[in-house]
C-alpha cells in the first residue's frame, strides 16, 4: 500500500476525512480473481465501495492495484477484496484437511514513513497488532529501484480492514519526507522496450528509435543524487549498472570516463548498515553505482572507518547518495528492521 495521500479537511480525533490513494502488490492470479469474468467482480467492487480501483497492465508477473477514495470507500474496498480472497481459499481447501490460511495482502509504503508505522522500539506496530488481531510485517529492504517498502498484512478480512485504517491514521500524522520514487514492477523478460538513456536540461530521456521519450523515474533519481553531492553535472549519462537495473542501456559519451577517488569517514557503529549481511548491501551499492568501493579495516584507537570510492564523477555521486540514504535510514531507526 503506497499511502500516497491527498488530505482534504483532516479532522483531529475523528476518522480521517481525506482522499487516499493506496497501492498494493498482487500476483496475476490474484488480480484475475478480483477482476472476475468480463470484469464483473471489479465492477461490483467499484460500485458498492464507491472507490476507484485501477490495475496496472499485464506485462509484469506482479501487478499494482491502486485504490482511491474516502476513508470509508477505501475500507469497504479492502473488506470486499479480503472476503473474495477468503472465498477463493476456502473453495481451494474444500476437500482438504489442511487449515485455510489467512488472507494476506502486500501494501506499499514510502520508506520515510516506516519509522512512524513501527514506532519507538516497535511500540506502534505492536499496538496495531493487538488492537486489530492482524499480523503486520514491515520489510527491512526497499522494493527494487524505489524508495518504498512492502508492508505485509495477514488475517481475516475484517482484521485487515481495521489494520489498514490504523496504518492510514499513522501515515496521515506522519507524511512522507522528501521525494518518493514509486515501486514499479519490471516487465517480464523480453517485453522491455527501453533504450539508451541520456540527460539534457536536468531531464532523463529514453531513446526509442528516432524519438527521445521523457523518463520521469530516472529524472527523479538523478535529481536526488544532485541534491546529495556535487559530482553529477547536467549532460552526464546514468551509470551503466544502475541503468541495467532499470532495464535500459546508457548512451556512451566520449571524454566522460575519467576515474576519480573520493573518501568518506563513517562511524564504526554505522558501518554495518553499509556492508549488510554477508556484504549484500555494499555489493548492491557497487552494482547500482558502478563505482569501486573499499572499506578500510578497523584501526586501533579509532572510532571511524575509512571508505574509498573510485569511479567516474557520476558513479561516485550515485554511490554517495546510496550510502547517505542507508545511513539516514539507520540513524532514524528504520534500517534493516523487520517486525
C-alpha atoms as a PDB file:
ATOM      1  CA  UNK A   1       0.000   0.000   0.000  1.00  0.00           C
ATOM      2  CA  UNK A   2       1.505   3.140  -1.046  1.00  0.00           C
ATOM      3  CA  UNK A   3      -0.079   5.594   1.195  1.00  0.00           C
ATOM      4  CA  UNK A   4       0.364   8.489  -1.071  1.00  0.00           C
ATOM      5  CA  UNK A   5      -2.480  10.631   0.182  1.00  0.00           C
ATOM      6  CA  UNK A   6      -4.087  13.930  -0.644  1.00  0.00           C
ATOM      7  CA  UNK A   7      -5.501  15.337   2.557  1.00  0.00           C
ATOM      8  CA  UNK A   8      -8.811  17.156   2.497  1.00  0.00           C
ATOM      9  CA  UNK A   9     -10.334  18.560   5.693  1.00  0.00           C
ATOM     10  CA  UNK A  10      -8.498  16.360   8.141  1.00  0.00           C
ATOM     11  CA  UNK A  11     -10.372  16.369  11.474  1.00  0.00           C
ATOM     12  CA  UNK A  12      -8.190  15.560  14.518  1.00  0.00           C
ATOM     13  CA  UNK A  13      -9.585  12.799  16.689  1.00  0.00           C
ATOM     14  CA  UNK A  14     -12.074  11.556  14.077  1.00  0.00           C
ATOM     15  CA  UNK A  15     -11.935   9.138  11.172  1.00  0.00           C
ATOM     16  CA  UNK A  16      -9.656  10.775   8.592  1.00  0.00           C
ATOM     17  CA  UNK A  17     -11.774  12.762   6.110  1.00  0.00           C
ATOM     18  CA  UNK A  18      -9.327  12.585   3.230  1.00  0.00           C
ATOM     19  CA  UNK A  19      -8.860  11.308  -0.253  1.00  0.00           C
ATOM     20  CA  UNK A  20      -6.474   8.345  -0.082  1.00  0.00           C
ATOM     21  CA  UNK A  21      -4.509   6.691  -2.850  1.00  0.00           C
ATOM     22  CA  UNK A  22      -3.450   3.230  -1.740  1.00  0.00           C
ATOM     23  CA  UNK A  23      -1.344   0.757  -3.702  1.00  0.00           C
ATOM     24  CA  UNK A  24      -0.993  -2.997  -3.333  1.00  0.00           C
ATOM     25  CA  UNK A  25       1.271  -5.572  -4.996  1.00  0.00           C
ATOM     26  CA  UNK A  26      -0.599  -8.593  -6.364  1.00  0.00           C
ATOM     27  CA  UNK A  27       0.289 -11.648  -8.410  1.00  0.00           C
ATOM     28  CA  UNK A  28      -1.517 -12.247 -11.694  1.00  0.00           C
ATOM     29  CA  UNK A  29      -3.822 -14.993 -10.388  1.00  0.00           C
ATOM     30  CA  UNK A  30      -4.992 -12.793  -7.505  1.00  0.00           C
ATOM     31  CA  UNK A  31      -5.668  -9.941  -9.910  1.00  0.00           C
ATOM     32  CA  UNK A  32      -7.736 -12.294 -12.045  1.00  0.00           C
ATOM     33  CA  UNK A  33      -9.833 -13.164  -9.004  1.00  0.00           C
ATOM     34  CA  UNK A  34     -10.817  -9.575  -8.253  1.00  0.00           C
ATOM     35  CA  UNK A  35     -11.407  -8.732 -11.921  1.00  0.00           C
ATOM     36  CA  UNK A  36     -13.771 -11.661 -12.457  1.00  0.00           C
ATOM     37  CA  UNK A  37     -15.378 -12.843 -15.694  1.00  0.00           C
ATOM     38  CA  UNK A  38     -15.682  -9.954 -18.137  1.00  0.00           C
ATOM     39  CA  UNK A  39     -14.735  -7.586 -15.298  1.00  0.00           C
ATOM     40  CA  UNK A  40     -17.968  -8.239 -13.375  1.00  0.00           C
ATOM     41  CA  UNK A  41     -16.314  -8.612  -9.946  1.00  0.00           C
ATOM     42  CA  UNK A  42     -14.209  -5.445 -10.031  1.00  0.00           C
ATOM     43  CA  UNK A  43     -17.171  -3.523 -11.444  1.00  0.00           C
ATOM     44  CA  UNK A  44     -19.253  -4.610  -8.438  1.00  0.00           C
ATOM     45  CA  UNK A  45     -16.423  -3.704  -6.023  1.00  0.00           C
ATOM     46  CA  UNK A  46     -16.210  -0.218  -7.539  1.00  0.00           C
ATOM     47  CA  UNK A  47     -19.961   0.359  -7.400  1.00  0.00           C
ATOM     48  CA  UNK A  48     -20.525  -0.987  -3.876  1.00  0.00           C
ATOM     49  CA  UNK A  49     -17.428   0.538  -2.259  1.00  0.00           C
ATOM     50  CA  UNK A  50     -17.502   3.866  -4.089  1.00  0.00           C
ATOM     51  CA  UNK A  51     -13.714   3.626  -4.519  1.00  0.00           C
ATOM     52  CA  UNK A  52     -11.784   3.934  -7.786  1.00  0.00           C
ATOM     53  CA  UNK A  53      -9.901   0.663  -8.324  1.00  0.00           C
ATOM     54  CA  UNK A  54      -7.294   0.523 -11.105  1.00  0.00           C
ATOM     55  CA  UNK A  55      -4.919  -2.275 -12.075  1.00  0.00           C
ATOM     56  CA  UNK A  56      -1.589  -1.851 -13.879  1.00  0.00           C
ATOM     57  CA  UNK A  57      -1.063  -3.517 -17.255  1.00  0.00           C
ATOM     58  CA  UNK A  58      -0.264  -7.197 -17.548  1.00  0.00           C
ATOM     59  CA  UNK A  59       3.311  -7.070 -18.866  1.00  0.00           C
ATOM     60  CA  UNK A  60       4.741  -7.910 -15.413  1.00  0.00           C
ATOM     61  CA  UNK A  61       4.270 -11.003 -13.200  1.00  0.00           C
ATOM     62  CA  UNK A  62       3.437  -8.572 -10.397  1.00  0.00           C
ATOM     63  CA  UNK A  63       0.630  -6.057 -10.813  1.00  0.00           C
ATOM     64  CA  UNK A  64      -0.090  -2.845  -8.921  1.00  0.00           C
ATOM     65  CA  UNK A  65      -3.652  -2.354  -7.696  1.00  0.00           C
ATOM     66  CA  UNK A  66      -4.426   1.294  -6.931  1.00  0.00           C
ATOM     67  CA  UNK A  67      -7.427   2.139  -4.751  1.00  0.00           C
ATOM     68  CA  UNK A  68      -8.537   5.764  -4.399  1.00  0.00           C
ATOM     69  CA  UNK A  69     -11.385   7.290  -2.399  1.00  0.00           C
ATOM     70  CA  UNK A  70     -12.505   8.456   1.024  1.00  0.00           C
ATOM     71  CA  UNK A  71     -11.507   6.514   4.138  1.00  0.00           C
ATOM     72  CA  UNK A  72     -14.895   4.782   4.166  1.00  0.00           C
ATOM     73  CA  UNK A  73     -14.630   3.893   0.465  1.00  0.00           C
ATOM     74  CA  UNK A  74     -11.116   2.518   0.907  1.00  0.00           C
ATOM     75  CA  UNK A  75     -12.030   0.315   3.886  1.00  0.00           C
ATOM     76  CA  UNK A  76     -15.094  -1.077   2.076  1.00  0.00           C
ATOM     77  CA  UNK A  77     -12.925  -1.939  -0.934  1.00  0.00           C
ATOM     78  CA  UNK A  78     -10.330  -3.674   1.247  1.00  0.00           C
ATOM     79  CA  UNK A  79     -13.031  -5.655   3.044  1.00  0.00           C
ATOM     80  CA  UNK A  80     -14.564  -6.798  -0.259  1.00  0.00           C
ATOM     81  CA  UNK A  81     -11.174  -7.801  -1.710  1.00  0.00           C
ATOM     82  CA  UNK A  82     -10.292  -9.650   1.506  1.00  0.00           C
ATOM     83  CA  UNK A  83     -13.602 -11.557   1.505  1.00  0.00           C
ATOM     84  CA  UNK A  84     -13.130 -12.527  -2.160  1.00  0.00           C
ATOM     85  CA  UNK A  85      -9.678 -13.962  -1.422  1.00  0.00           C
ATOM     86  CA  UNK A  86     -11.069 -15.757   1.641  1.00  0.00           C
ATOM     87  CA  UNK A  87     -13.799 -17.349  -0.513  1.00  0.00           C
ATOM     88  CA  UNK A  88     -11.192 -18.442  -3.065  1.00  0.00           C
ATOM     89  CA  UNK A  89      -9.041 -20.114  -0.402  1.00  0.00           C
ATOM     90  CA  UNK A  90     -11.995 -21.876   1.212  1.00  0.00           C
ATOM     91  CA  UNK A  91     -13.025 -23.215  -2.194  1.00  0.00           C
ATOM     92  CA  UNK A  92      -9.460 -24.440  -2.816  1.00  0.00           C
ATOM     93  CA  UNK A  93      -9.428 -26.282   0.547  1.00  0.00           C
ATOM     94  CA  UNK A  94     -12.967 -27.670   0.458  1.00  0.00           C
ATOM     95  CA  UNK A  95     -11.817 -31.320   0.342  1.00  0.00           C
ATOM     96  CA  UNK A  96      -8.589 -30.803   2.261  1.00  0.00           C
ATOM     97  CA  UNK A  97      -7.731 -31.403   5.897  1.00  0.00           C
ATOM     98  CA  UNK A  98      -5.183 -28.573   5.741  1.00  0.00           C
ATOM     99  CA  UNK A  99      -6.399 -25.427   7.586  1.00  0.00           C
ATOM    100  CA  UNK A 100      -7.390 -22.498   5.391  1.00  0.00           C
ATOM    101  CA  UNK A 101      -4.543 -19.924   5.548  1.00  0.00           C
ATOM    102  CA  UNK A 102      -5.290 -16.296   6.474  1.00  0.00           C
ATOM    103  CA  UNK A 103      -5.822 -13.677   3.794  1.00  0.00           C
ATOM    104  CA  UNK A 104      -2.529 -11.886   3.029  1.00  0.00           C
ATOM    105  CA  UNK A 105      -2.091  -8.547   1.247  1.00  0.00           C
ATOM    106  CA  UNK A 106       1.161  -6.746   0.375  1.00  0.00           C
ATOM    107  CA  UNK A 107       0.883  -2.992   0.730  1.00  0.00           C
ATOM    108  CA  UNK A 108       3.433  -0.383  -0.396  1.00  0.00           C
ATOM    109  CA  UNK A 109       4.543   2.383   1.986  1.00  0.00           C
ATOM    110  CA  UNK A 110       7.205   5.094   1.435  1.00  0.00           C
ATOM    111  CA  UNK A 111      10.330   4.130   3.409  1.00  0.00           C
ATOM    112  CA  UNK A 112      10.390   7.547   5.104  1.00  0.00           C
ATOM    113  CA  UNK A 113       7.086   6.704   6.826  1.00  0.00           C
ATOM    114  CA  UNK A 114       8.001   3.224   8.034  1.00  0.00           C
ATOM    115  CA  UNK A 115       9.653   4.530  11.208  1.00  0.00           C
ATOM    116  CA  UNK A 116       6.353   6.094  12.325  1.00  0.00           C
ATOM    117  CA  UNK A 117       4.489   2.899  11.476  1.00  0.00           C
ATOM    118  CA  UNK A 118       6.916   0.813  13.533  1.00  0.00           C
ATOM    119  CA  UNK A 119       7.123   3.270  16.433  1.00  0.00           C
ATOM    120  CA  UNK A 120       9.812   3.570  19.080  1.00  0.00           C
ATOM    121  CA  UNK A 121      11.029   0.108  19.939  1.00  0.00           C
ATOM    122  CA  UNK A 122       8.252  -1.361  17.790  1.00  0.00           C
ATOM    123  CA  UNK A 123       5.552   0.078  20.067  1.00  0.00           C
ATOM    124  CA  UNK A 124       3.181   1.338  17.345  1.00  0.00           C
ATOM    125  CA  UNK A 125       3.199  -1.774  15.213  1.00  0.00           C
ATOM    126  CA  UNK A 126       2.681  -3.901  18.335  1.00  0.00           C
ATOM    127  CA  UNK A 127      -0.316  -1.758  19.268  1.00  0.00           C
ATOM    128  CA  UNK A 128      -1.849  -2.189  15.786  1.00  0.00           C
ATOM    129  CA  UNK A 129      -1.422  -5.961  16.019  1.00  0.00           C
ATOM    130  CA  UNK A 130      -3.073  -6.119  19.427  1.00  0.00           C
ATOM    131  CA  UNK A 131      -5.994  -3.843  18.529  1.00  0.00           C
ATOM    132  CA  UNK A 132      -6.820  -5.433  15.156  1.00  0.00           C
ATOM    133  CA  UNK A 133      -5.740  -9.049  15.599  1.00  0.00           C
ATOM    134  CA  UNK A 134      -3.973  -8.876  12.220  1.00  0.00           C
ATOM    135  CA  UNK A 135      -0.369  -9.810  11.559  1.00  0.00           C
ATOM    136  CA  UNK A 136       1.713  -6.966  10.117  1.00  0.00           C
ATOM    137  CA  UNK A 137       5.338  -7.033   8.948  1.00  0.00           C
ATOM    138  CA  UNK A 138       7.455  -4.168   7.590  1.00  0.00           C
ATOM    139  CA  UNK A 139      10.207  -5.261   5.193  1.00  0.00           C
ATOM    140  CA  UNK A 140      13.716  -4.131   6.032  1.00  0.00           C
ATOM    141  CA  UNK A 141      14.766  -3.510   2.421  1.00  0.00           C
ATOM    142  CA  UNK A 142      13.269  -1.121  -0.099  1.00  0.00           C
ATOM    143  CA  UNK A 143      11.489  -2.508  -3.139  1.00  0.00           C
ATOM    144  CA  UNK A 144      13.721  -2.576  -6.259  1.00  0.00           C
ATOM    145  CA  UNK A 145      14.502   0.792  -7.865  1.00  0.00           C
ATOM    146  CA  UNK A 146      12.278   2.685  -5.431  1.00  0.00           C
ATOM    147  CA  UNK A 147      12.229   4.397  -2.035  1.00  0.00           C
ATOM    148  CA  UNK A 148       9.265   2.321  -0.851  1.00  0.00           C
ATOM    149  CA  UNK A 149       8.879  -0.795   1.295  1.00  0.00           C
ATOM    150  CA  UNK A 150       6.456  -3.689   1.347  1.00  0.00           C
ATOM    151  CA  UNK A 151       4.148  -3.998   4.370  1.00  0.00           C
ATOM    152  CA  UNK A 152       2.547  -7.446   4.614  1.00  0.00           C
ATOM    153  CA  UNK A 153      -0.797  -7.685   6.418  1.00  0.00           C
ATOM    154  CA  UNK A 154      -2.467 -11.040   7.217  1.00  0.00           C
ATOM    155  CA  UNK A 155      -5.675 -12.043   8.963  1.00  0.00           C
ATOM    156  CA  UNK A 156      -9.428 -12.138   8.458  1.00  0.00           C
ATOM    157  CA  UNK A 157     -10.944  -9.596   6.033  1.00  0.00           C
ATOM    158  CA  UNK A 158     -12.319  -7.570   8.977  1.00  0.00           C
ATOM    159  CA  UNK A 159      -8.958  -7.617  10.791  1.00  0.00           C
ATOM    160  CA  UNK A 160      -7.158  -6.489   7.625  1.00  0.00           C
ATOM    161  CA  UNK A 161      -9.614  -3.618   7.108  1.00  0.00           C
ATOM    162  CA  UNK A 162      -9.100  -2.454  10.712  1.00  0.00           C
ATOM    163  CA  UNK A 163      -5.336  -2.740  10.286  1.00  0.00           C
ATOM    164  CA  UNK A 164      -5.428  -0.653   7.091  1.00  0.00           C
ATOM    165  CA  UNK A 165      -7.467   2.008   8.926  1.00  0.00           C
ATOM    166  CA  UNK A 166      -4.834   2.273  11.684  1.00  0.00           C
ATOM    167  CA  UNK A 167      -1.992   2.352   9.136  1.00  0.00           C
ATOM    168  CA  UNK A 168      -3.746   5.190   7.293  1.00  0.00           C
ATOM    169  CA  UNK A 169      -4.092   7.164  10.533  1.00  0.00           C
ATOM    170  CA  UNK A 170      -0.368   6.807  11.253  1.00  0.00           C
ATOM    171  CA  UNK A 171       0.595   7.809   7.721  1.00  0.00           C
ATOM    172  CA  UNK A 172      -1.640  10.894   7.829  1.00  0.00           C
ATOM    173  CA  UNK A 173       0.021  12.009  11.052  1.00  0.00           C
ATOM    174  CA  UNK A 174       3.498  11.488   9.545  1.00  0.00           C
ATOM    175  CA  UNK A 175       3.573  12.499   5.835  1.00  0.00           C
ATOM    176  CA  UNK A 176       6.430  11.273   3.584  1.00  0.00           C
ATOM    177  CA  UNK A 177       9.731  13.145   3.883  1.00  0.00           C
ATOM    178  CA  UNK A 178      11.356  14.237   0.642  1.00  0.00           C
ATOM    179  CA  UNK A 179      10.736  12.842  -2.816  1.00  0.00           C
ATOM    180  CA  UNK A 180       9.380   9.295  -3.186  1.00  0.00           C
ATOM    181  CA  UNK A 181      10.394   7.075  -6.085  1.00  0.00           C
ATOM    182  CA  UNK A 182       7.420   4.720  -6.528  1.00  0.00           C
ATOM    183  CA  UNK A 183       7.854   0.994  -6.998  1.00  0.00           C
ATOM    184  CA  UNK A 184       7.059  -0.249 -10.491  1.00  0.00           C
ATOM    185  CA  UNK A 185       7.265  -3.985 -11.258  1.00  0.00           C
ATOM    186  CA  UNK A 186       9.674  -4.719 -14.073  1.00  0.00           C
ATOM    187  CA  UNK A 187       8.189  -6.175 -17.274  1.00  0.00           C
ATOM    188  CA  UNK A 188       8.548  -9.894 -17.851  1.00  0.00           C
ATOM    189  CA  UNK A 189      11.711 -10.885 -19.705  1.00  0.00           C
ATOM    190  CA  UNK A 190      11.628  -9.925 -23.350  1.00  0.00           C
ATOM    191  CA  UNK A 191       8.887  -7.316 -23.039  1.00  0.00           C
ATOM    192  CA  UNK A 192      11.002  -4.252 -22.305  1.00  0.00           C
ATOM    193  CA  UNK A 193      11.069  -1.559 -24.959  1.00  0.00           C
ATOM    194  CA  UNK A 194      13.580   0.638 -23.162  1.00  0.00           C
ATOM    195  CA  UNK A 195      16.589   2.003 -24.994  1.00  0.00           C
ATOM    196  CA  UNK A 196      19.619   4.182 -24.233  1.00  0.00           C
ATOM    197  CA  UNK A 197      19.214   6.935 -21.644  1.00  0.00           C
ATOM    198  CA  UNK A 198      20.616  10.472 -21.854  1.00  0.00           C
ATOM    199  CA  UNK A 199      20.241  13.555 -19.664  1.00  0.00           C
ATOM    200  CA  UNK A 200      19.582  17.037 -21.022  1.00  0.00           C
ATOM    201  CA  UNK A 201      18.494  20.101 -19.087  1.00  0.00           C
ATOM    202  CA  UNK A 202      18.047  18.051 -15.916  1.00  0.00           C
ATOM    203  CA  UNK A 203      15.582  15.656 -17.626  1.00  0.00           C
ATOM    204  CA  UNK A 204      16.235  11.965 -18.377  1.00  0.00           C
ATOM    205  CA  UNK A 205      15.197  10.674 -21.795  1.00  0.00           C
ATOM    206  CA  UNK A 206      14.925   7.089 -23.063  1.00  0.00           C
ATOM    207  CA  UNK A 207      15.906   6.869 -26.718  1.00  0.00           C
ATOM    208  CA  UNK A 208      13.421   4.775 -28.701  1.00  0.00           C
ATOM    209  CA  UNK A 209      14.118   4.771 -32.427  1.00  0.00           C
ATOM    210  CA  UNK A 210      14.223   8.392 -33.577  1.00  0.00           C
ATOM    211  CA  UNK A 211      12.415   9.706 -30.508  1.00  0.00           C
ATOM    212  CA  UNK A 212      13.553  10.824 -27.050  1.00  0.00           C
ATOM    213  CA  UNK A 213      10.888   9.820 -24.517  1.00  0.00           C
ATOM    214  CA  UNK A 214      10.967  11.608 -21.088  1.00  0.00           C
ATOM    215  CA  UNK A 215      11.666   9.145 -18.241  1.00  0.00           C
ATOM    216  CA  UNK A 216      10.379  10.733 -15.024  1.00  0.00           C
ATOM    217  CA  UNK A 217      11.594   7.973 -12.667  1.00  0.00           C
ATOM    218  CA  UNK A 218      15.210   8.268 -13.811  1.00  0.00           C
ATOM    219  CA  UNK A 219      14.923  12.064 -13.745  1.00  0.00           C
ATOM    220  CA  UNK A 220      13.811  11.957 -10.113  1.00  0.00           C
ATOM    221  CA  UNK A 221      16.669   9.620  -9.158  1.00  0.00           C
ATOM    222  CA  UNK A 222      19.134  11.887 -10.972  1.00  0.00           C
ATOM    223  CA  UNK A 223      17.778  14.964  -9.129  1.00  0.00           C
ATOM    224  CA  UNK A 224      18.029  13.207  -5.758  1.00  0.00           C
ATOM    225  CA  UNK A 225      21.674  12.401  -6.436  1.00  0.00           C
ATOM    226  CA  UNK A 226      22.331  16.014  -7.421  1.00  0.00           C
ATOM    227  CA  UNK A 227      20.840  17.204  -4.119  1.00  0.00           C
ATOM    228  CA  UNK A 228      23.152  14.925  -2.151  1.00  0.00           C
ATOM    229  CA  UNK A 229      26.543  15.520  -3.789  1.00  0.00           C
ATOM    230  CA  UNK A 230      28.209  17.916  -6.223  1.00  0.00           C
ATOM    231  CA  UNK A 231      29.673  15.326  -8.579  1.00  0.00           C
ATOM    232  CA  UNK A 232      26.917  14.876 -11.187  1.00  0.00           C
ATOM    233  CA  UNK A 233      26.616  17.648 -13.748  1.00  0.00           C
ATOM    234  CA  UNK A 234      23.871  18.131 -16.365  1.00  0.00           C
ATOM    235  CA  UNK A 235      24.506  16.225 -19.575  1.00  0.00           C
ATOM    236  CA  UNK A 236      26.166  13.164 -17.967  1.00  0.00           C
ATOM    237  CA  UNK A 237      24.857   9.660 -18.567  1.00  0.00           C
ATOM    238  CA  UNK A 238      23.394   7.342 -15.950  1.00  0.00           C
ATOM    239  CA  UNK A 239      25.924   4.825 -14.538  1.00  0.00           C
ATOM    240  CA  UNK A 240      25.737   1.639 -16.578  1.00  0.00           C
ATOM    241  CA  UNK A 241      24.998  -0.738 -13.712  1.00  0.00           C
ATOM    242  CA  UNK A 242      22.145   1.437 -12.421  1.00  0.00           C
ATOM    243  CA  UNK A 243      20.651   1.741 -15.891  1.00  0.00           C
ATOM    244  CA  UNK A 244      20.766  -2.039 -16.224  1.00  0.00           C
ATOM    245  CA  UNK A 245      18.639  -2.379 -13.092  1.00  0.00           C
ATOM    246  CA  UNK A 246      16.063  -0.096 -14.703  1.00  0.00           C
ATOM    247  CA  UNK A 247      16.091  -2.286 -17.810  1.00  0.00           C
ATOM    248  CA  UNK A 248      17.751   0.320 -20.004  1.00  0.00           C
ATOM    249  CA  UNK A 249      21.098   0.931 -21.664  1.00  0.00           C
ATOM    250  CA  UNK A 250      23.218   4.029 -21.309  1.00  0.00           C
ATOM    251  CA  UNK A 251      24.331   6.039 -24.295  1.00  0.00           C
ATOM    252  CA  UNK A 252      28.087   6.407 -24.371  1.00  0.00           C
ATOM    253  CA  UNK A 253      29.618   9.867 -24.278  1.00  0.00           C
ATOM    254  CA  UNK A 254      33.294  10.322 -25.193  1.00  0.00           C
ATOM    255  CA  UNK A 255      35.551  12.107 -22.771  1.00  0.00           C
ATOM    256  CA  UNK A 256      33.370  11.425 -19.719  1.00  0.00           C
ATOM    257  CA  UNK A 257      35.105   8.366 -18.290  1.00  0.00           C
ATOM    258  CA  UNK A 258      37.912   9.872 -16.179  1.00  0.00           C
ATOM    259  CA  UNK A 259      38.318   7.969 -12.924  1.00  0.00           C
ATOM    260  CA  UNK A 260      38.373   9.883  -9.643  1.00  0.00           C
ATOM    261  CA  UNK A 261      38.664   8.934  -5.979  1.00  0.00           C
ATOM    262  CA  UNK A 262      36.668  10.215  -3.032  1.00  0.00           C
ATOM    263  CA  UNK A 263      36.973   9.284   0.645  1.00  0.00           C
ATOM    264  CA  UNK A 264      34.300   9.142   3.355  1.00  0.00           C
ATOM    265  CA  UNK A 265      34.572   8.644   7.101  1.00  0.00           C
ATOM    266  CA  UNK A 266      31.818   6.567   8.721  1.00  0.00           C
ATOM    267  CA  UNK A 267      31.472   5.751  12.454  1.00  0.00           C
ATOM    268  CA  UNK A 268      32.181   2.118  13.377  1.00  0.00           C
ATOM    269  CA  UNK A 269      28.693   1.653  14.813  1.00  0.00           C
ATOM    270  CA  UNK A 270      27.100   2.554  11.448  1.00  0.00           C
ATOM    271  CA  UNK A 271      29.413   0.712   9.066  1.00  0.00           C
ATOM    272  CA  UNK A 272      27.369  -2.481   9.410  1.00  0.00           C
ATOM    273  CA  UNK A 273      24.336  -0.942   7.705  1.00  0.00           C
ATOM    274  CA  UNK A 274      26.539  -0.065   4.716  1.00  0.00           C
ATOM    275  CA  UNK A 275      28.117  -3.533   4.475  1.00  0.00           C
ATOM    276  CA  UNK A 276      24.948  -5.565   5.151  1.00  0.00           C
ATOM    277  CA  UNK A 277      24.688  -9.255   5.949  1.00  0.00           C
ATOM    278  CA  UNK A 278      27.408 -11.102   4.080  1.00  0.00           C
ATOM    279  CA  UNK A 279      28.298  -7.875   2.254  1.00  0.00           C
ATOM    280  CA  UNK A 280      24.936  -7.777   0.431  1.00  0.00           C
ATOM    281  CA  UNK A 281      24.383  -4.026   0.900  1.00  0.00           C
ATOM    282  CA  UNK A 282      27.820  -2.855  -0.173  1.00  0.00           C
ATOM    283  CA  UNK A 283      27.639  -5.154  -3.210  1.00  0.00           C
ATOM    284  CA  UNK A 284      24.240  -3.703  -4.097  1.00  0.00           C
ATOM    285  CA  UNK A 285      25.639  -0.151  -3.878  1.00  0.00           C
ATOM    286  CA  UNK A 286      28.599  -1.149  -6.064  1.00  0.00           C
ATOM    287  CA  UNK A 287      26.300  -2.664  -8.682  1.00  0.00           C
ATOM    288  CA  UNK A 288      23.864   0.263  -8.679  1.00  0.00           C
ATOM    289  CA  UNK A 289      26.505   2.973  -8.880  1.00  0.00           C
ATOM    290  CA  UNK A 290      29.158   1.289 -10.988  1.00  0.00           C
ATOM    291  CA  UNK A 291      31.797   2.568  -8.543  1.00  0.00           C
ATOM    292  CA  UNK A 292      34.583   0.643  -6.803  1.00  0.00           C
ATOM    293  CA  UNK A 293      34.100   0.901  -3.022  1.00  0.00           C
ATOM    294  CA  UNK A 294      36.675  -0.203  -0.461  1.00  0.00           C
ATOM    295  CA  UNK A 295      36.182  -0.135   3.307  1.00  0.00           C
ATOM    296  CA  UNK A 296      39.334   0.034   5.415  1.00  0.00           C
ATOM    297  CA  UNK A 297      39.810  -2.266   8.394  1.00  0.00           C
ATOM    298  CA  UNK A 298      39.383  -1.100  11.970  1.00  0.00           C
ATOM    299  CA  UNK A 299      42.272   0.949  13.307  1.00  0.00           C
ATOM    300  CA  UNK A 300      43.234   0.632  16.949  1.00  0.00           C
ATOM    301  CA  UNK A 301      42.011   3.647  18.917  1.00  0.00           C
ATOM    302  CA  UNK A 302      39.836   4.937  16.052  1.00  0.00           C
ATOM    303  CA  UNK A 303      36.035   5.136  16.211  1.00  0.00           C
ATOM    304  CA  UNK A 304      35.680   5.591  12.443  1.00  0.00           C
ATOM    305  CA  UNK A 305      36.211   3.587   9.248  1.00  0.00           C
ATOM    306  CA  UNK A 306      37.582   5.000   6.008  1.00  0.00           C
ATOM    307  CA  UNK A 307      35.532   4.352   2.848  1.00  0.00           C
ATOM    308  CA  UNK A 308      37.223   4.935  -0.525  1.00  0.00           C
ATOM    309  CA  UNK A 309      35.044   5.370  -3.619  1.00  0.00           C
ATOM    310  CA  UNK A 310      36.645   5.219  -7.072  1.00  0.00           C
ATOM    311  CA  UNK A 311      34.987   5.735 -10.449  1.00  0.00           C
ATOM    312  CA  UNK A 312      33.588   8.333 -12.803  1.00  0.00           C
ATOM    313  CA  UNK A 313      32.145  11.500 -11.223  1.00  0.00           C
ATOM    314  CA  UNK A 314      28.582  10.318 -11.735  1.00  0.00           C
ATOM    315  CA  UNK A 315      29.346   6.857 -10.301  1.00  0.00           C
ATOM    316  CA  UNK A 316      30.910   8.447  -7.203  1.00  0.00           C
ATOM    317  CA  UNK A 317      27.932  10.741  -6.806  1.00  0.00           C
ATOM    318  CA  UNK A 318      25.442   7.886  -7.043  1.00  0.00           C
ATOM    319  CA  UNK A 319      27.449   5.760  -4.573  1.00  0.00           C
ATOM    320  CA  UNK A 320      27.493   8.639  -2.077  1.00  0.00           C
ATOM    321  CA  UNK A 321      23.756   9.127  -2.491  1.00  0.00           C
ATOM    322  CA  UNK A 322      23.050   5.437  -1.825  1.00  0.00           C
ATOM    323  CA  UNK A 323      25.395   5.351   1.178  1.00  0.00           C
ATOM    324  CA  UNK A 324      23.823   8.506   2.637  1.00  0.00           C
ATOM    325  CA  UNK A 325      20.366   7.001   2.164  1.00  0.00           C
ATOM    326  CA  UNK A 326      21.374   3.886   4.123  1.00  0.00           C
ATOM    327  CA  UNK A 327      22.895   5.999   6.894  1.00  0.00           C
ATOM    328  CA  UNK A 328      19.787   8.188   7.234  1.00  0.00           C
ATOM    329  CA  UNK A 329      17.585   5.097   7.499  1.00  0.00           C
ATOM    330  CA  UNK A 330      19.830   3.568  10.158  1.00  0.00           C
ATOM    331  CA  UNK A 331      20.021   6.754  12.226  1.00  0.00           C
ATOM    332  CA  UNK A 332      16.241   7.236  12.071  1.00  0.00           C
ATOM    333  CA  UNK A 333      15.736   3.720  13.395  1.00  0.00           C
ATOM    334  CA  UNK A 334      14.357   2.220  10.185  1.00  0.00           C
ATOM    335  CA  UNK A 335      17.373   0.466   8.699  1.00  0.00           C
ATOM    336  CA  UNK A 336      17.117  -3.313   8.462  1.00  0.00           C
ATOM    337  CA  UNK A 337      14.170  -3.588  10.861  1.00  0.00           C
ATOM    338  CA  UNK A 338      11.721  -6.394  10.136  1.00  0.00           C
ATOM    339  CA  UNK A 339       8.854  -6.886  12.572  1.00  0.00           C
END
